[in-house]
Every structure is written in C-alpha cells, then in structure tokens.
Amino acid sequence: MPCYRCGTRQVDPEAGKSSPWRRGVVSEHQVLACPACASTALADFSRCSRCGSAHLIRRLDQVECLDCRLIRDAESESPSPTRLESQATDLAAEVARALDRVLGRR
C-alpha cells in the first residue's frame, strides 16, 4: 500500500527495526503515511471519539482505537467509479513498470 499523500511505496524495514510508517484512518479508509509525510498526515487522521487518539485501524466494517479499544461501526461510503477507475489505471501502470524492470525491458 503506498503513502496516501505522496504515493511512495512502503519497503520492508531493516531487520529488528520497526517501520517508521504511520498507519491511520482517513475518511473511513485505512491509510499509510511515509516517514516524510507522517507529521503532516497526522492532522488528516481521524480521531477516537472517546480518547482523542489518532491511533485507529479499520477492520472489515469497524474502526478500532488501539489506545482505548473503543470499536465503532465504520460509516458506509462507496468510492466513486471515477476514483476506482483511476486507481486501477495507476496500479496497472505501476505493475507494467515493475515487470519491465524485472524482465529487463525498456
């Protein structure tokens, strides 16, 4: 999953180190923020209604605060067809570039 702000792809952290990427919920969607965007992304993250923490995760149709363990139903929101089409096109282009790189094609 790329950084939701700049599109940078996450890489595995060095052995024995935790990832510097931040996980959060924005507009009811689970997102990642790269280390370069993490400080500004924190302002975009949804907050827990009980404790105010931005340490939220989304699982299935629920959002959970990892600090106070409050679980709530996620608001249903269906993405627009245009947005889905754009994401599919971006992903297809990224896969094509990766295949070209791995297979040595230019």
PDB file of N, CA and C in Angstrom:
ATOM      1  N   MET A   1       0.858  -1.168   0.000  1.00  0.00           N
ATOM      2  CA  MET A   1       0.000   0.000   0.000  1.00  0.00           C
ATOM      3  C   MET A   1       0.905   1.232   0.000  1.00  0.00           C
ATOM      4  N   PRO A   2       0.669   2.187  -0.889  1.00  0.00           N
ATOM      5  CA  PRO A   2       1.505   3.387  -0.935  1.00  0.00           C
ATOM      6  C   PRO A   2       1.077   4.430   0.103  1.00  0.00           C
ATOM      7  N   CYS A   3       1.943   5.411   0.288  1.00  0.00           N
ATOM      8  CA  CYS A   3       1.610   6.561   1.128  1.00  0.00           C
ATOM      9  C   CYS A   3       0.420   7.261   0.493  1.00  0.00           C
ATOM     10  N   TYR A   4      -0.582   7.561   1.278  1.00  0.00           N
ATOM     11  CA  TYR A   4      -1.794   8.144   0.721  1.00  0.00           C
ATOM     12  C   TYR A   4      -1.588   9.598   0.304  1.00  0.00           C
ATOM     13  N   ARG A   5      -0.513  10.235   0.756  1.00  0.00           N
ATOM     14  CA  ARG A   5      -0.268  11.633   0.392  1.00  0.00           C
ATOM     15  C   ARG A   5       0.644  11.774  -0.822  1.00  0.00           C
ATOM     16  N   CYS A   6       1.747  11.022  -0.868  1.00  0.00           N
ATOM     17  CA  CYS A   6       2.718  11.218  -1.956  1.00  0.00           C
ATOM     18  C   CYS A   6       2.832  10.024  -2.902  1.00  0.00           C
ATOM     19  N   GLY A   7       2.270   8.864  -2.512  1.00  0.00           N
ATOM     20  CA  GLY A   7       2.286   7.698  -3.386  1.00  0.00           C
ATOM     21  C   GLY A   7       3.518   6.821  -3.273  1.00  0.00           C
ATOM     22  N   THR A   8       4.458   7.167  -2.402  1.00  0.00           N
ATOM     23  CA  THR A   8       5.659   6.355  -2.209  1.00  0.00           C
ATOM     24  C   THR A   8       5.269   4.972  -1.703  1.00  0.00           C
ATOM     25  N   ARG A   9       5.881   3.945  -2.257  1.00  0.00           N
ATOM     26  CA  ARG A   9       5.588   2.572  -1.833  1.00  0.00           C
ATOM     27  C   ARG A   9       6.391   2.216  -0.595  1.00  0.00           C
ATOM     28  N   GLN A  10       5.763   1.488   0.301  1.00  0.00           N
ATOM     29  CA  GLN A  10       6.417   1.053   1.533  1.00  0.00           C
ATOM     30  C   GLN A  10       7.402  -0.061   1.226  1.00  0.00           C
ATOM     31  N   VAL A  11       8.541  -0.049   1.915  1.00  0.00           N
ATOM     32  CA  VAL A  11       9.527  -1.118   1.805  1.00  0.00           C
ATOM     33  C   VAL A  11       9.671  -1.770   3.178  1.00  0.00           C
ATOM     34  N   ASP A  12      10.188  -2.981   3.198  1.00  0.00           N
ATOM     35  CA  ASP A  12      10.381  -3.678   4.467  1.00  0.00           C
ATOM     36  C   ASP A  12      11.418  -2.947   5.314  1.00  0.00           C
ATOM     37  N   PRO A  13      11.161  -2.810   6.613  1.00  0.00           N
ATOM     38  CA  PRO A  13      12.148  -2.165   7.491  1.00  0.00           C
ATOM     39  C   PRO A  13      13.356  -3.078   7.671  1.00  0.00           C
ATOM     40  N   GLU A  14      14.447  -2.498   8.112  1.00  0.00           N
ATOM     41  CA  GLU A  14      15.644  -3.278   8.389  1.00  0.00           C
ATOM     42  C   GLU A  14      15.329  -4.302   9.480  1.00  0.00           C
ATOM     43  N   ALA A  15      16.032  -5.422   9.438  1.00  0.00           N
ATOM     44  CA  ALA A  15      15.802  -6.491  10.412  1.00  0.00           C
ATOM     45  C   ALA A  15      15.935  -5.962  11.833  1.00  0.00           C
ATOM     46  N   GLY A  16      14.943  -6.272  12.653  1.00  0.00           N
ATOM     47  CA  GLY A  16      14.957  -5.887  14.054  1.00  0.00           C
ATOM     48  C   GLY A  16      14.466  -4.479  14.336  1.00  0.00           C
ATOM     49  N   LYS A  17      14.104  -3.720  13.292  1.00  0.00           N
ATOM     50  CA  LYS A  17      13.622  -2.360  13.498  1.00  0.00           C
ATOM     51  C   LYS A  17      12.153  -2.277  13.131  1.00  0.00           C
ATOM     52  N   SER A  18      11.441  -1.400  13.820  1.00  0.00           N
ATOM     53  CA  SER A  18      10.028  -1.213  13.497  1.00  0.00           C
ATOM     54  C   SER A  18       9.907  -0.250  12.313  1.00  0.00           C
ATOM     55  N   SER A  19       8.807  -0.337  11.632  1.00  0.00           N
ATOM     56  CA  SER A  19       8.583   0.508  10.465  1.00  0.00           C
ATOM     57  C   SER A  19       8.342   1.954  10.891  1.00  0.00           C
ATOM     58  N   PRO A  20       8.963   2.914  10.195  1.00  0.00           N
ATOM     59  CA  PRO A  20       8.728   4.326  10.512  1.00  0.00           C
ATOM     60  C   PRO A  20       7.439   4.864   9.884  1.00  0.00           C
ATOM     61  N   TRP A  21       6.730   4.035   9.143  1.00  0.00           N
ATOM     62  CA  TRP A  21       5.484   4.444   8.509  1.00  0.00           C
ATOM     63  C   TRP A  21       4.382   4.542   9.550  1.00  0.00           C
ATOM     64  N   ARG A  22       3.445   5.495   9.367  1.00  0.00           N
ATOM     65  CA  ARG A  22       2.311   5.664  10.272  1.00  0.00           C
ATOM     66  C   ARG A  22       1.052   5.098   9.632  1.00  0.00           C
ATOM     67  N   ARG A  23       0.287   4.392  10.415  1.00  0.00           N
ATOM     68  CA  ARG A  23      -0.987   3.836   9.955  1.00  0.00           C
ATOM     69  C   ARG A  23      -2.097   4.637  10.603  1.00  0.00           C
ATOM     70  N   GLY A  24      -3.146   4.891   9.848  1.00  0.00           N
ATOM     71  CA  GLY A  24      -4.266   5.634  10.396  1.00  0.00           C
ATOM     72  C   GLY A  24      -5.516   5.460   9.562  1.00  0.00           C
ATOM     73  N   VAL A  25      -6.550   6.167   9.946  1.00  0.00           N
ATOM     74  CA  VAL A  25      -7.823   6.127   9.237  1.00  0.00           C
ATOM     75  C   VAL A  25      -8.141   7.547   8.784  1.00  0.00           C
ATOM     76  N   VAL A  26      -8.427   7.683   7.489  1.00  0.00           N
ATOM     77  CA  VAL A  26      -8.810   8.962   6.901  1.00  0.00           C
ATOM     78  C   VAL A  26     -10.069   8.723   6.081  1.00  0.00           C
ATOM     79  N   SER A  27     -11.106   9.465   6.374  1.00  0.00           N
ATOM     80  CA  SER A  27     -12.387   9.319   5.657  1.00  0.00           C
ATOM     81  C   SER A  27     -12.852   7.862   5.640  1.00  0.00           C
ATOM     82  N   GLU A  28     -12.719   7.209   6.795  1.00  0.00           N
ATOM     83  CA  GLU A  28     -13.174   5.825   6.989  1.00  0.00           C
ATOM     84  C   GLU A  28     -12.357   4.793   6.193  1.00  0.00           C
ATOM     85  N   HIS A  29     -11.171   5.169   5.714  1.00  0.00           N
ATOM     86  CA  HIS A  29     -10.308   4.238   4.990  1.00  0.00           C
ATOM     87  C   HIS A  29      -8.982   4.099   5.724  1.00  0.00           C
ATOM     88  N   GLN A  30      -8.470   2.870   5.792  1.00  0.00           N
ATOM     89  CA  GLN A  30      -7.153   2.610   6.371  1.00  0.00           C
ATOM     90  C   GLN A  30      -6.108   3.150   5.406  1.00  0.00           C
ATOM     91  N   VAL A  31      -5.159   3.947   5.901  1.00  0.00           N
ATOM     92  CA  VAL A  31      -4.112   4.514   5.052  1.00  0.00           C
ATOM     93  C   VAL A  31      -2.757   4.367   5.733  1.00  0.00           C
ATOM     94  N   LEU A  32      -1.712   4.510   4.927  1.00  0.00           N
ATOM     95  CA  LEU A  32      -0.349   4.575   5.430  1.00  0.00           C
ATOM     96  C   LEU A  32       0.233   5.926   5.053  1.00  0.00           C
ATOM     97  N   ALA A  33       1.093   6.450   5.911  1.00  0.00           N
ATOM     98  CA  ALA A  33       1.813   7.687   5.618  1.00  0.00           C
ATOM     99  C   ALA A  33       3.302   7.400   5.752  1.00  0.00           C
ATOM    100  N   CYS A  34       4.068   7.777   4.730  1.00  0.00           N
ATOM    101  CA  CYS A  34       5.517   7.540   4.739  1.00  0.00           C
ATOM    102  C   CYS A  34       6.173   8.443   5.791  1.00  0.00           C
ATOM    103  N   PRO A  35       7.425   8.165   6.155  1.00  0.00           N
ATOM    104  CA  PRO A  35       8.088   8.991   7.160  1.00  0.00           C
ATOM    105  C   PRO A  35       8.145  10.473   6.780  1.00  0.00           C
ATOM    106  N   ALA A  36       8.299  10.779   5.485  1.00  0.00           N
ATOM    107  CA  ALA A  36       8.378  12.178   5.050  1.00  0.00           C
ATOM    108  C   ALA A  36       7.041  12.896   5.213  1.00  0.00           C
ATOM    109  N   CYS A  37       5.941  12.187   5.062  1.00  0.00           N
ATOM    110  CA  CYS A  37       4.604  12.798   5.143  1.00  0.00           C
ATOM    111  C   CYS A  37       3.938  12.605   6.508  1.00  0.00           C
ATOM    112  N   ALA A  38       4.525  11.803   7.378  1.00  0.00           N
ATOM    113  CA  ALA A  38       3.856  11.405   8.624  1.00  0.00           C
ATOM    114  C   ALA A  38       3.437  12.576   9.492  1.00  0.00           C
ATOM    115  N   SER A  39       4.289  13.580   9.640  1.00  0.00           N
ATOM    116  CA  SER A  39       3.939  14.680  10.548  1.00  0.00           C
ATOM    117  C   SER A  39       2.764  15.498  10.016  1.00  0.00           C
ATOM    118  N   THR A  40       2.701  15.740   8.715  1.00  0.00           N
ATOM    119  CA  THR A  40       1.571  16.491   8.164  1.00  0.00           C
ATOM    120  C   THR A  40       0.335  15.612   8.041  1.00  0.00           C
ATOM    121  N   ALA A  41       0.530  14.323   7.821  1.00  0.00           N
ATOM    122  CA  ALA A  41      -0.600  13.398   7.677  1.00  0.00           C
ATOM    123  C   ALA A  41      -1.359  13.243   8.991  1.00  0.00           C
ATOM    124  N   LEU A  42      -0.675  13.373  10.106  1.00  0.00           N
ATOM    125  CA  LEU A  42      -1.312  13.199  11.411  1.00  0.00           C
ATOM    126  C   LEU A  42      -2.512  14.135  11.571  1.00  0.00           C
ATOM    127  N   ALA A  43      -2.447  15.312  10.986  1.00  0.00           N
ATOM    128  CA  ALA A  43      -3.563  16.254  11.066  1.00  0.00           C
ATOM    129  C   ALA A  43      -4.780  15.753  10.290  1.00  0.00           C
ATOM    130  N   ASP A  44      -4.565  14.910   9.276  1.00  0.00           N
ATOM    131  CA  ASP A  44      -5.661  14.369   8.467  1.00  0.00           C
ATOM    132  C   ASP A  44      -6.319  13.147   9.101  1.00  0.00           C
ATOM    133  N   PHE A  45      -5.606  12.471   9.994  1.00  0.00           N
ATOM    134  CA  PHE A  45      -6.099  11.222  10.564  1.00  0.00           C
ATOM    135  C   PHE A  45      -7.352  11.463  11.416  1.00  0.00           C
ATOM    136  N   SER A  46      -8.299  10.542  11.327  1.00  0.00           N
ATOM    137  CA  SER A  46      -9.483  10.581  12.182  1.00  0.00           C
ATOM    138  C   SER A  46      -9.055  10.358  13.623  1.00  0.00           C
ATOM    139  N   ARG A  47      -9.855  10.851  14.545  1.00  0.00           N
ATOM    140  CA  ARG A  47      -9.566  10.742  15.975  1.00  0.00           C
ATOM    141  C   ARG A  47     -10.635   9.918  16.673  1.00  0.00           C
ATOM    142  N   CYS A  48     -10.249   9.267  17.744  1.00  0.00           N
ATOM    143  CA  CYS A  48     -11.167   8.492  18.566  1.00  0.00           C
ATOM    144  C   CYS A  48     -12.111   9.439  19.300  1.00  0.00           C
ATOM    145  N   SER A  49     -13.387   9.110  19.292  1.00  0.00           N
ATOM    146  CA  SER A  49     -14.366   9.968  19.973  1.00  0.00           C
ATOM    147  C   SER A  49     -14.274   9.870  21.493  1.00  0.00           C
ATOM    148  N   ARG A  50     -13.656   8.808  22.002  1.00  0.00           N
ATOM    149  CA  ARG A  50     -13.536   8.646  23.455  1.00  0.00           C
ATOM    150  C   ARG A  50     -12.268   9.305  23.986  1.00  0.00           C
ATOM    151  N   CYS A  51     -11.109   8.971  23.405  1.00  0.00           N
ATOM    152  CA  CYS A  51      -9.845   9.432  23.985  1.00  0.00           C
ATOM    153  C   CYS A  51      -9.100  10.452  23.121  1.00  0.00           C
ATOM    154  N   GLY A  52      -9.544  10.668  21.873  1.00  0.00           N
ATOM    155  CA  GLY A  52      -8.900  11.649  21.009  1.00  0.00           C
ATOM    156  C   GLY A  52      -7.667  11.154  20.279  1.00  0.00           C
ATOM    157  N   SER A  53      -7.331   9.894  20.442  1.00  0.00           N
ATOM    158  CA  SER A  53      -6.154   9.327  19.795  1.00  0.00           C
ATOM    159  C   SER A  53      -6.340   9.195  18.284  1.00  0.00           C
ATOM    160  N   ALA A  54      -5.234   9.315  17.548  1.00  0.00           N
ATOM    161  CA  ALA A  54      -5.255   9.089  16.097  1.00  0.00           C
ATOM    162  C   ALA A  54      -4.778   7.680  15.781  1.00  0.00           C
ATOM    163  N   HIS A  55      -4.582   6.866  16.798  1.00  0.00           N
ATOM    164  CA  HIS A  55      -4.068   5.502  16.653  1.00  0.00           C
ATOM    165  C   HIS A  55      -5.226   4.541  16.349  1.00  0.00           C
ATOM    166  N   LEU A  56      -5.841   4.731  15.161  1.00  0.00           N
ATOM    167  CA  LEU A  56      -7.004   3.946  14.762  1.00  0.00           C
ATOM    168  C   LEU A  56      -6.647   2.985  13.638  1.00  0.00           C
ATOM    169  N   ILE A  57      -7.377   1.879  13.585  1.00  0.00           N
ATOM    170  CA  ILE A  57      -7.266   0.947  12.470  1.00  0.00           C
ATOM    171  C   ILE A  57      -8.668   0.604  11.991  1.00  0.00           C
ATOM    172  N   ARG A  58      -8.744   0.185  10.745  1.00  0.00           N
ATOM    173  CA  ARG A  58     -10.030  -0.247  10.200  1.00  0.00           C
ATOM    174  C   ARG A  58      -9.929  -1.718   9.879  1.00  0.00           C
ATOM    175  N   ARG A  59     -10.902  -2.473  10.384  1.00  0.00           N
ATOM    176  CA  ARG A  59     -11.009  -3.907  10.111  1.00  0.00           C
ATOM    177  C   ARG A  59     -12.416  -4.179   9.648  1.00  0.00           C
ATOM    178  N   LEU A  60     -12.551  -4.776   8.506  1.00  0.00           N
ATOM    179  CA  LEU A  60     -13.846  -5.075   7.927  1.00  0.00           C
ATOM    180  C   LEU A  60     -14.707  -3.821   7.954  1.00  0.00           C
ATOM    181  N   ASP A  61     -15.798  -3.824   8.651  1.00  0.00           N
ATOM    182  CA  ASP A  61     -16.664  -2.648   8.688  1.00  0.00           C
ATOM    183  C   ASP A  61     -16.620  -1.946  10.036  1.00  0.00           C
ATOM    184  N   GLN A  62     -15.468  -2.034  10.713  1.00  0.00           N
ATOM    185  CA  GLN A  62     -15.331  -1.394  12.014  1.00  0.00           C
ATOM    186  C   GLN A  62     -14.032  -0.608  12.091  1.00  0.00           C
ATOM    187  N   VAL A  63     -14.048   0.429  12.920  1.00  0.00           N
ATOM    188  CA  VAL A  63     -12.855   1.214  13.218  1.00  0.00           C
ATOM    189  C   VAL A  63     -12.572   1.024  14.701  1.00  0.00           C
ATOM    190  N   GLU A  64     -11.315   0.684  15.032  1.00  0.00           N
ATOM    191  CA  GLU A  64     -10.937   0.438  16.427  1.00  0.00           C
ATOM    192  C   GLU A  64      -9.819   1.370  16.837  1.00  0.00           C
ATOM    193  N   CYS A  65      -9.940   1.929  18.046  1.00  0.00           N
ATOM    194  CA  CYS A  65      -8.881   2.727  18.635  1.00  0.00           C
ATOM    195  C   CYS A  65      -7.929   1.759  19.335  1.00  0.00           C
ATOM    196  N   LEU A  66      -6.659   1.801  18.980  1.00  0.00           N
ATOM    197  CA  LEU A  66      -5.705   0.893  19.596  1.00  0.00           C
ATOM    198  C   LEU A  66      -5.254   1.356  20.972  1.00  0.00           C
ATOM    199  N   ASP A  67      -5.611   2.584  21.351  1.00  0.00           N
ATOM    200  CA  ASP A  67      -5.247   3.072  22.674  1.00  0.00           C
ATOM    201  C   ASP A  67      -6.298   2.732  23.727  1.00  0.00           C
ATOM    202  N   CYS A  68      -7.570   3.047  23.462  1.00  0.00           N
ATOM    203  CA  CYS A  68      -8.614   2.786  24.472  1.00  0.00           C
ATOM    204  C   CYS A  68      -9.524   1.606  24.102  1.00  0.00           C
ATOM    205  N   ARG A  69      -9.299   1.017  22.928  1.00  0.00           N
ATOM    206  CA  ARG A  69     -10.028  -0.168  22.450  1.00  0.00           C
ATOM    207  C   ARG A  69     -11.503   0.082  22.117  1.00  0.00           C
ATOM    208  N   LEU A  70     -11.898   1.346  21.943  1.00  0.00           N
ATOM    209  CA  LEU A  70     -13.252   1.640  21.503  1.00  0.00           C
ATOM    210  C   LEU A  70     -13.418   1.122  20.073  1.00  0.00           C
ATOM    211  N   ILE A  71     -14.491   0.401  19.829  1.00  0.00           N
ATOM    212  CA  ILE A  71     -14.790  -0.105  18.494  1.00  0.00           C
ATOM    213  C   ILE A  71     -16.114   0.502  18.060  1.00  0.00           C
ATOM    214  N   ARG A  72     -16.130   1.025  16.845  1.00  0.00           N
ATOM    215  CA  ARG A  72     -17.358   1.584  16.295  1.00  0.00           C
ATOM    216  C   ARG A  72     -17.536   1.078  14.874  1.00  0.00           C
ATOM    217  N   ASP A  73     -18.769   1.100  14.416  1.00  0.00           N
ATOM    218  CA  ASP A  73     -19.036   0.740  13.030  1.00  0.00           C
ATOM    219  C   ASP A  73     -18.526   1.857  12.131  1.00  0.00           C
ATOM    220  N   ALA A  74     -17.886   1.468  11.039  1.00  0.00           N
ATOM    221  CA  ALA A  74     -17.425   2.458  10.066  1.00  0.00           C
ATOM    222  C   ALA A  74     -18.618   2.978   9.287  1.00  0.00           C
ATOM    223  N   GLU A  75     -18.573   4.243   8.976  1.00  0.00           N
ATOM    224  CA  GLU A  75     -19.628   4.818   8.159  1.00  0.00           C
ATOM    225  C   GLU A  75     -19.511   4.228   6.763  1.00  0.00           C
ATOM    226  N   SER A  76     -20.638   3.837   6.189  1.00  0.00           N
ATOM    227  CA  SER A  76     -20.580   3.254   4.846  1.00  0.00           C
ATOM    228  C   SER A  76     -20.400   4.367   3.834  1.00  0.00           C
ATOM    229  N   GLU A  77     -19.445   4.145   2.967  1.00  0.00           N
ATOM    230  CA  GLU A  77     -19.133   5.118   1.936  1.00  0.00           C
ATOM    231  C   GLU A  77     -18.607   4.355   0.741  1.00  0.00           C
ATOM    232  N   SER A  78     -19.269   4.460  -0.374  1.00  0.00           N
ATOM    233  CA  SER A  78     -18.780   3.753  -1.555  1.00  0.00           C
ATOM    234  C   SER A  78     -17.983   4.719  -2.407  1.00  0.00           C
ATOM    235  N   PRO A  79     -16.775   4.307  -2.816  1.00  0.00           N
ATOM    236  CA  PRO A  79     -15.946   5.192  -3.630  1.00  0.00           C
ATOM    237  C   PRO A  79     -16.579   5.429  -4.993  1.00  0.00           C
ATOM    238  N   SER A  80     -16.297   6.576  -5.539  1.00  0.00           N
ATOM    239  CA  SER A  80     -16.868   6.908  -6.839  1.00  0.00           C
ATOM    240  C   SER A  80     -16.257   6.026  -7.916  1.00  0.00           C
ATOM    241  N   PRO A  81     -17.014   5.687  -8.969  1.00  0.00           N
ATOM    242  CA  PRO A  81     -16.484   4.866 -10.059  1.00  0.00           C
ATOM    243  C   PRO A  81     -15.266   5.510 -10.710  1.00  0.00           C
ATOM    244  N   THR A  82     -15.245   6.839 -10.812  1.00  0.00           N
ATOM    245  CA  THR A  82     -14.111   7.524 -11.423  1.00  0.00           C
ATOM    246  C   THR A  82     -12.853   7.302 -10.606  1.00  0.00           C
ATOM    247  N   ARG A  83     -12.975   7.388  -9.286  1.00  0.00           N
ATOM    248  CA  ARG A  83     -11.816   7.186  -8.410  1.00  0.00           C
ATOM    249  C   ARG A  83     -11.302   5.753  -8.528  1.00  0.00           C
ATOM    250  N   LEU A  84     -12.211   4.768  -8.549  1.00  0.00           N
ATOM    251  CA  LEU A  84     -11.796   3.374  -8.689  1.00  0.00           C
ATOM    252  C   LEU A  84     -11.102   3.132 -10.022  1.00  0.00           C
ATOM    253  N   GLU A  85     -11.634   3.718 -11.091  1.00  0.00           N
ATOM    254  CA  GLU A  85     -11.033   3.559 -12.409  1.00  0.00           C
ATOM    255  C   GLU A  85      -9.630   4.157 -12.429  1.00  0.00           C
ATOM    256  N   SER A  86      -9.461   5.307 -11.809  1.00  0.00           N
ATOM    257  CA  SER A  86      -8.158   5.965 -11.746  1.00  0.00           C
ATOM    258  C   SER A  86      -7.163   5.120 -10.963  1.00  0.00           C
ATOM    259  N   GLN A  87      -7.597   4.544  -9.839  1.00  0.00           N
ATOM    260  CA  GLN A  87      -6.715   3.697  -9.039  1.00  0.00           C
ATOM    261  C   GLN A  87      -6.311   2.453  -9.814  1.00  0.00           C
ATOM    262  N   ALA A  88      -7.240   1.846 -10.555  1.00  0.00           N
ATOM    263  CA  ALA A  88      -6.939   0.654 -11.338  1.00  0.00           C
ATOM    264  C   ALA A  88      -5.938   0.977 -12.442  1.00  0.00           C
ATOM    265  N   THR A  89      -6.100   2.119 -13.088  1.00  0.00           N
ATOM    266  CA  THR A  89      -5.178   2.531 -14.148  1.00  0.00           C
ATOM    267  C   THR A  89      -3.792   2.781 -13.574  1.00  0.00           C
ATOM    268  N   ASP A  90      -3.709   3.458 -12.433  1.00  0.00           N
ATOM    269  CA  ASP A  90      -2.428   3.718 -11.784  1.00  0.00           C
ATOM    270  C   ASP A  90      -1.737   2.412 -11.410  1.00  0.00           C
ATOM    271  N   LEU A  91      -2.495   1.464 -10.847  1.00  0.00           N
ATOM    272  CA  LEU A  91      -1.927   0.186 -10.452  1.00  0.00           C
ATOM    273  C   LEU A  91      -1.438  -0.590 -11.664  1.00  0.00           C
ATOM    274  N   ALA A  92      -2.207  -0.599 -12.739  1.00  0.00           N
ATOM    275  CA  ALA A  92      -1.799  -1.307 -13.955  1.00  0.00           C
ATOM    276  C   ALA A  92      -0.497  -0.727 -14.507  1.00  0.00           C
ATOM    277  N   ALA A  93      -0.369   0.585 -14.502  1.00  0.00           N
ATOM    278  CA  ALA A  93       0.858   1.222 -14.980  1.00  0.00           C
ATOM    279  C   ALA A  93       2.039   0.880 -14.088  1.00  0.00           C
ATOM    280  N   GLU A  94       1.810   0.845 -12.783  1.00  0.00           N
ATOM    281  CA  GLU A  94       2.885   0.503 -11.853  1.00  0.00           C
ATOM    282  C   GLU A  94       3.333  -0.949 -12.035  1.00  0.00           C
ATOM    283  N   VAL A  95       2.396  -1.854 -12.231  1.00  0.00           N
ATOM    284  CA  VAL A  95       2.729  -3.260 -12.469  1.00  0.00           C
ATOM    285  C   VAL A  95       3.509  -3.397 -13.772  1.00  0.00           C
ATOM    286  N   ALA A  96       3.101  -2.690 -14.807  1.00  0.00           N
ATOM    287  CA  ALA A  96       3.806  -2.747 -16.089  1.00  0.00           C
ATOM    288  C   ALA A  96       5.252  -2.260 -15.932  1.00  0.00           C
ATOM    289  N   ARG A  97       5.462  -1.175 -15.196  1.00  0.00           N
ATOM    290  CA  ARG A  97       6.822  -0.676 -14.965  1.00  0.00           C
ATOM    291  C   ARG A  97       7.657  -1.690 -14.186  1.00  0.00           C
ATOM    292  N   ALA A  98       7.054  -2.315 -13.176  1.00  0.00           N
ATOM    293  CA  ALA A  98       7.780  -3.311 -12.378  1.00  0.00           C
ATOM    294  C   ALA A  98       8.170  -4.518 -13.240  1.00  0.00           C
ATOM    295  N   LEU A  99       7.254  -4.979 -14.089  1.00  0.00           N
ATOM    296  CA  LEU A  99       7.563  -6.111 -14.972  1.00  0.00           C
ATOM    297  C   LEU A  99       8.679  -5.735 -15.945  1.00  0.00           C
ATOM    298  N   ASP A 100       8.618  -4.553 -16.504  1.00  0.00           N
ATOM    299  CA  ASP A 100       9.680  -4.099 -17.414  1.00  0.00           C
ATOM    300  C   ASP A 100      11.019  -4.073 -16.699  1.00  0.00           C
ATOM    301  N   ARG A 101      11.030  -3.593 -15.469  1.00  0.00           N
ATOM    302  CA  ARG A 101      12.267  -3.516 -14.699  1.00  0.00           C
ATOM    303  C   ARG A 101      12.809  -4.910 -14.401  1.00  0.00           C
ATOM    304  N   VAL A 102      11.957  -5.818 -13.941  1.00  0.00           N
ATOM    305  CA  VAL A 102      12.384  -7.170 -13.571  1.00  0.00           C
ATOM    306  C   VAL A 102      12.818  -7.976 -14.800  1.00  0.00           C
ATOM    307  N   LEU A 103      12.091  -7.814 -15.908  1.00  0.00           N
ATOM    308  CA  LEU A 103      12.388  -8.570 -17.117  1.00  0.00           C
ATOM    309  C   LEU A 103      13.413  -7.893 -18.005  1.00  0.00           C
ATOM    310  N   GLY A 104      13.904  -6.731 -17.588  1.00  0.00           N
ATOM    311  CA  GLY A 104      14.946  -6.028 -18.342  1.00  0.00           C
ATOM    312  C   GLY A 104      14.456  -5.387 -19.629  1.00  0.00           C
ATOM    313  N   ARG A 105      13.153  -5.167 -19.720  1.00  0.00           N
ATOM    314  CA  ARG A 105      12.602  -4.495 -20.911  1.00  0.00           C
ATOM    315  C   ARG A 105      12.671  -2.997 -20.725  1.00  0.00           C
ATOM    316  N   ARG A 106      12.778  -2.283 -21.819  1.00  0.00           N
ATOM    317  CA  ARG A 106      12.796  -0.817 -21.744  1.00  0.00           C
ATOM    318  C   ARG A 106      11.611  -0.234 -22.432  1.00  0.00           C
TER     319      ARG A 106
END
